[in-house]
């Protein structure tokens, strides 16, 4: 099992809109690609000193690295562009790959 983890820090002024959009649009769009079996969205409670935004972590569970690579080639660029276009200059994101052991 591969966990595709996306951590996003958003400006306080947009975080409610961002969270609603993620729950109602973006996460369902990612899940509808068929590459992930489940997801979890959490709010990060501990942040770096001086960080001003509100930080969230979204985890998508994927059966295999092959599936994840296919998702990244076929779907991720368009979905990430949609997010960037909507919230340009109002967020910082990084992605991690985790393996369930």
N, C-alpha and C. Protein backbone atom coordinates (compact mmCIF):
# COMPACT_ATOMS: atom_id res chain seq x y z
N UNK A 1 0.85 -1.18 0.00
CA UNK A 1 0.00 0.00 0.00
C UNK A 1 0.89 1.24 0.00
N UNK A 2 0.63 2.14 -0.94
CA UNK A 2 1.34 3.41 -1.04
C UNK A 2 0.40 4.51 -0.56
N UNK A 3 0.92 5.43 0.23
CA UNK A 3 0.14 6.58 0.67
C UNK A 3 0.74 7.82 0.02
N UNK A 4 -0.07 8.47 -0.79
CA UNK A 4 0.31 9.72 -1.45
C UNK A 4 -0.16 10.83 -0.52
N UNK A 5 0.78 11.50 0.10
CA UNK A 5 0.49 12.50 1.12
C UNK A 5 0.75 13.90 0.57
N UNK A 6 -0.24 14.75 0.66
CA UNK A 6 -0.11 16.13 0.18
C UNK A 6 -0.36 17.06 1.37
N UNK A 7 0.64 17.86 1.70
CA UNK A 7 0.53 18.82 2.79
C UNK A 7 0.43 20.21 2.18
N UNK A 8 -0.60 20.94 2.59
CA UNK A 8 -0.87 22.26 2.01
C UNK A 8 -1.08 23.27 3.12
N UNK A 9 -0.34 24.36 3.06
CA UNK A 9 -0.54 25.48 3.98
C UNK A 9 -1.21 26.59 3.20
N UNK A 10 -2.39 26.99 3.65
CA UNK A 10 -3.17 28.01 2.94
C UNK A 10 -3.31 29.26 3.79
N UNK A 11 -3.45 30.39 3.13
CA UNK A 11 -3.65 31.65 3.84
C UNK A 11 -4.94 31.57 4.65
N UNK A 12 -4.92 32.19 5.83
CA UNK A 12 -6.09 32.16 6.72
C UNK A 12 -7.35 32.71 6.05
N UNK A 13 -7.20 33.72 5.23
CA UNK A 13 -8.36 34.35 4.60
C UNK A 13 -9.10 33.48 3.61
N UNK A 14 -8.46 32.43 3.11
CA UNK A 14 -9.12 31.57 2.11
C UNK A 14 -9.34 30.14 2.61
N UNK A 15 -8.90 29.85 3.82
CA UNK A 15 -8.89 28.44 4.23
C UNK A 15 -10.28 27.81 4.25
N UNK A 16 -11.33 28.54 4.60
CA UNK A 16 -12.67 27.95 4.60
C UNK A 16 -13.12 27.60 3.18
N UNK A 17 -12.91 28.53 2.25
CA UNK A 17 -13.24 28.27 0.85
C UNK A 17 -12.42 27.09 0.34
N UNK A 18 -11.11 27.08 0.65
CA UNK A 18 -10.21 26.02 0.20
C UNK A 18 -10.69 24.67 0.73
N UNK A 19 -10.98 24.60 2.03
CA UNK A 19 -11.39 23.34 2.64
C UNK A 19 -12.70 22.83 2.02
N UNK A 20 -13.65 23.71 1.84
CA UNK A 20 -14.91 23.31 1.20
C UNK A 20 -14.68 22.81 -0.21
N UNK A 21 -13.86 23.52 -0.98
CA UNK A 21 -13.57 23.12 -2.36
C UNK A 21 -12.87 21.77 -2.39
N UNK A 22 -11.93 21.57 -1.47
CA UNK A 22 -11.23 20.28 -1.41
C UNK A 22 -12.21 19.15 -1.13
N UNK A 23 -13.09 19.34 -0.15
CA UNK A 23 -14.03 18.29 0.24
C UNK A 23 -15.09 18.03 -0.83
N UNK A 24 -15.58 19.10 -1.45
CA UNK A 24 -16.70 18.97 -2.39
C UNK A 24 -16.28 18.71 -3.83
N UNK A 25 -15.07 19.16 -4.21
CA UNK A 25 -14.67 19.08 -5.62
C UNK A 25 -13.37 18.31 -5.82
N UNK A 26 -12.27 18.82 -5.25
CA UNK A 26 -10.96 18.27 -5.60
C UNK A 26 -10.78 16.82 -5.16
N UNK A 27 -11.01 16.53 -3.89
CA UNK A 27 -10.83 15.16 -3.42
C UNK A 27 -11.76 14.19 -4.16
N UNK A 28 -13.05 14.52 -4.35
CA UNK A 28 -13.89 13.63 -5.16
C UNK A 28 -13.36 13.44 -6.59
N UNK A 29 -12.79 14.50 -7.18
CA UNK A 29 -12.22 14.37 -8.53
C UNK A 29 -11.03 13.41 -8.52
N UNK A 30 -10.17 13.54 -7.51
CA UNK A 30 -9.02 12.62 -7.40
C UNK A 30 -9.51 11.19 -7.21
N UNK A 31 -10.47 11.01 -6.33
CA UNK A 31 -10.96 9.66 -6.05
C UNK A 31 -11.66 9.05 -7.27
N UNK A 32 -12.30 9.89 -8.08
CA UNK A 32 -13.02 9.37 -9.25
C UNK A 32 -12.09 8.85 -10.34
N UNK A 33 -10.79 9.11 -10.23
CA UNK A 33 -9.85 8.56 -11.21
C UNK A 33 -9.73 7.04 -11.06
N UNK A 34 -10.12 6.51 -9.90
CA UNK A 34 -10.10 5.07 -9.68
C UNK A 34 -8.78 4.50 -9.19
N UNK A 35 -7.80 5.35 -8.95
CA UNK A 35 -6.48 4.86 -8.53
C UNK A 35 -6.32 4.74 -7.01
N UNK A 36 -7.24 5.31 -6.26
CA UNK A 36 -7.10 5.34 -4.80
C UNK A 36 -8.27 4.62 -4.15
N UNK A 37 -7.98 3.97 -3.03
CA UNK A 37 -9.00 3.19 -2.34
C UNK A 37 -9.66 3.97 -1.21
N UNK A 38 -8.95 4.93 -0.63
CA UNK A 38 -9.51 5.76 0.43
C UNK A 38 -8.69 7.03 0.56
N UNK A 39 -9.24 7.98 1.33
CA UNK A 39 -8.54 9.23 1.57
C UNK A 39 -8.84 9.70 2.99
N UNK A 40 -7.99 10.60 3.45
CA UNK A 40 -8.16 11.19 4.77
C UNK A 40 -7.63 12.61 4.71
N UNK A 41 -8.42 13.56 5.20
CA UNK A 41 -7.95 14.94 5.27
C UNK A 41 -7.88 15.32 6.74
N UNK A 42 -6.75 15.90 7.13
CA UNK A 42 -6.54 16.29 8.51
C UNK A 42 -5.98 17.70 8.57
N UNK A 43 -6.16 18.34 9.70
CA UNK A 43 -5.56 19.65 9.94
C UNK A 43 -4.31 19.43 10.79
N UNK A 44 -3.22 20.03 10.39
CA UNK A 44 -1.97 19.91 11.14
C UNK A 44 -2.03 20.85 12.33
N UNK A 45 -1.84 20.30 13.53
CA UNK A 45 -1.95 21.10 14.74
C UNK A 45 -0.63 21.73 15.16
N UNK A 46 0.47 21.10 14.80
CA UNK A 46 1.78 21.66 15.13
C UNK A 46 2.44 22.15 13.85
N UNK A 47 2.83 23.41 13.84
CA UNK A 47 3.44 23.99 12.65
C UNK A 47 4.77 24.64 13.01
N UNK A 48 5.51 24.99 12.00
CA UNK A 48 6.82 25.60 12.21
C UNK A 48 6.66 26.99 12.82
N UNK A 49 7.65 27.39 13.56
CA UNK A 49 7.69 28.72 14.18
C UNK A 49 7.53 29.79 13.10
N UNK A 50 6.63 30.71 13.33
CA UNK A 50 6.44 31.83 12.40
C UNK A 50 5.52 31.53 11.22
N UNK A 51 5.06 30.30 11.08
CA UNK A 51 4.16 29.97 9.97
C UNK A 51 2.81 30.61 10.22
N UNK A 52 2.30 31.32 9.22
CA UNK A 52 1.08 32.09 9.41
C UNK A 52 -0.17 31.44 8.84
N UNK A 53 -0.03 30.51 7.91
CA UNK A 53 -1.19 29.89 7.30
C UNK A 53 -1.77 28.77 8.15
N UNK A 54 -2.80 28.15 7.62
CA UNK A 54 -3.41 26.99 8.24
C UNK A 54 -3.02 25.80 7.37
N UNK A 55 -2.52 24.75 8.01
CA UNK A 55 -1.95 23.64 7.26
C UNK A 55 -2.82 22.40 7.37
N UNK A 56 -3.00 21.74 6.23
CA UNK A 56 -3.78 20.52 6.13
C UNK A 56 -2.93 19.44 5.48
N UNK A 57 -3.29 18.20 5.75
CA UNK A 57 -2.64 17.06 5.10
C UNK A 57 -3.73 16.15 4.55
N UNK A 58 -3.57 15.80 3.28
CA UNK A 58 -4.50 14.88 2.63
C UNK A 58 -3.72 13.63 2.27
N UNK A 59 -4.25 12.48 2.66
CA UNK A 59 -3.60 11.21 2.33
C UNK A 59 -4.53 10.41 1.43
N UNK A 60 -3.95 9.95 0.33
CA UNK A 60 -4.66 9.09 -0.62
C UNK A 60 -3.99 7.72 -0.60
N UNK A 61 -4.75 6.67 -0.38
CA UNK A 61 -4.20 5.32 -0.31
C UNK A 61 -4.31 4.66 -1.69
N UNK A 62 -3.18 4.15 -2.15
CA UNK A 62 -3.08 3.59 -3.50
C UNK A 62 -2.54 2.15 -3.39
N UNK A 63 -3.11 1.21 -4.13
CA UNK A 63 -2.68 -0.18 -4.00
C UNK A 63 -1.21 -0.44 -4.36
N UNK A 64 -0.66 0.30 -5.34
CA UNK A 64 0.70 0.01 -5.77
C UNK A 64 1.38 1.25 -6.33
N UNK A 65 2.70 1.18 -6.41
CA UNK A 65 3.48 2.27 -6.99
C UNK A 65 3.16 2.41 -8.49
N UNK A 66 2.89 1.30 -9.15
CA UNK A 66 2.54 1.35 -10.58
C UNK A 66 1.26 2.15 -10.77
N UNK A 67 0.27 1.91 -9.92
CA UNK A 67 -0.98 2.67 -9.99
C UNK A 67 -0.73 4.16 -9.74
N UNK A 68 0.09 4.46 -8.75
CA UNK A 68 0.37 5.85 -8.43
C UNK A 68 1.08 6.54 -9.60
N UNK A 69 2.06 5.88 -10.19
CA UNK A 69 2.77 6.46 -11.33
C UNK A 69 1.84 6.72 -12.50
N UNK A 70 0.91 5.81 -12.72
CA UNK A 70 -0.07 6.00 -13.80
C UNK A 70 -0.98 7.19 -13.50
N UNK A 71 -1.43 7.30 -12.25
CA UNK A 71 -2.23 8.45 -11.84
C UNK A 71 -1.44 9.74 -12.08
N UNK A 72 -0.18 9.77 -11.67
CA UNK A 72 0.64 10.97 -11.80
C UNK A 72 0.85 11.36 -13.26
N UNK A 73 0.92 10.39 -14.14
CA UNK A 73 1.09 10.69 -15.57
C UNK A 73 -0.22 11.14 -16.22
N UNK A 74 -1.31 10.47 -15.90
CA UNK A 74 -2.57 10.69 -16.61
C UNK A 74 -3.45 11.78 -16.01
N UNK A 75 -3.41 11.97 -14.69
CA UNK A 75 -4.40 12.84 -14.05
C UNK A 75 -3.84 13.97 -13.20
N UNK A 76 -2.71 13.73 -12.51
CA UNK A 76 -2.19 14.71 -11.55
C UNK A 76 -1.93 16.08 -12.16
N UNK A 77 -1.31 16.18 -13.34
CA UNK A 77 -1.02 17.53 -13.85
C UNK A 77 -2.26 18.42 -13.99
N UNK A 78 -3.33 17.89 -14.53
CA UNK A 78 -4.55 18.69 -14.72
C UNK A 78 -5.19 19.04 -13.37
N UNK A 79 -5.23 18.08 -12.45
CA UNK A 79 -5.84 18.34 -11.15
C UNK A 79 -5.01 19.35 -10.35
N UNK A 80 -3.70 19.24 -10.42
CA UNK A 80 -2.84 20.19 -9.72
C UNK A 80 -2.96 21.59 -10.33
N UNK A 81 -3.07 21.66 -11.65
CA UNK A 81 -3.23 22.95 -12.32
C UNK A 81 -4.53 23.63 -11.90
N UNK A 82 -5.59 22.85 -11.81
CA UNK A 82 -6.88 23.40 -11.38
C UNK A 82 -6.76 24.02 -9.98
N UNK A 83 -6.07 23.33 -9.08
CA UNK A 83 -5.84 23.83 -7.72
C UNK A 83 -5.00 25.10 -7.76
N UNK A 84 -3.91 25.07 -8.51
CA UNK A 84 -3.01 26.22 -8.59
C UNK A 84 -3.71 27.43 -9.21
N UNK A 85 -4.48 27.22 -10.26
CA UNK A 85 -5.20 28.33 -10.89
C UNK A 85 -6.20 28.96 -9.93
N UNK A 86 -6.86 28.15 -9.13
CA UNK A 86 -7.88 28.66 -8.20
C UNK A 86 -7.27 29.41 -7.02
N UNK A 87 -6.13 28.93 -6.51
CA UNK A 87 -5.55 29.49 -5.28
C UNK A 87 -4.13 30.01 -5.47
N UNK A 88 -3.83 30.46 -6.65
CA UNK A 88 -2.48 30.93 -6.97
C UNK A 88 -1.96 31.96 -5.97
N UNK A 89 -0.73 31.75 -5.52
CA UNK A 89 -0.04 32.63 -4.57
C UNK A 89 -0.69 32.69 -3.19
N UNK A 90 -1.58 31.76 -2.87
CA UNK A 90 -2.25 31.75 -1.57
C UNK A 90 -2.01 30.45 -0.81
N UNK A 91 -1.10 29.62 -1.31
CA UNK A 91 -0.82 28.34 -0.66
C UNK A 91 0.61 27.90 -0.97
N UNK A 92 1.08 26.99 -0.15
CA UNK A 92 2.34 26.30 -0.38
C UNK A 92 2.04 24.82 -0.16
N UNK A 93 2.54 23.97 -1.06
CA UNK A 93 2.25 22.54 -0.95
C UNK A 93 3.53 21.72 -1.14
N UNK A 94 3.54 20.58 -0.49
CA UNK A 94 4.57 19.59 -0.80
C UNK A 94 3.96 18.20 -0.70
N UNK A 95 4.54 17.30 -1.47
CA UNK A 95 4.02 15.95 -1.55
C UNK A 95 5.06 14.95 -1.05
N UNK A 96 4.57 13.88 -0.43
CA UNK A 96 5.42 12.81 0.06
C UNK A 96 4.80 11.48 -0.33
N UNK A 97 5.64 10.49 -0.53
CA UNK A 97 5.18 9.13 -0.74
C UNK A 97 5.56 8.31 0.47
N UNK A 98 4.59 7.57 0.98
CA UNK A 98 4.80 6.73 2.15
C UNK A 98 4.42 5.30 1.78
N UNK A 99 5.05 4.36 2.43
CA UNK A 99 4.71 2.96 2.21
C UNK A 99 4.22 2.37 3.52
N UNK A 100 3.05 1.76 3.47
CA UNK A 100 2.50 1.11 4.66
C UNK A 100 3.31 -0.15 4.95
N UNK A 101 3.76 -0.30 6.19
CA UNK A 101 4.57 -1.47 6.56
C UNK A 101 3.88 -2.28 7.63
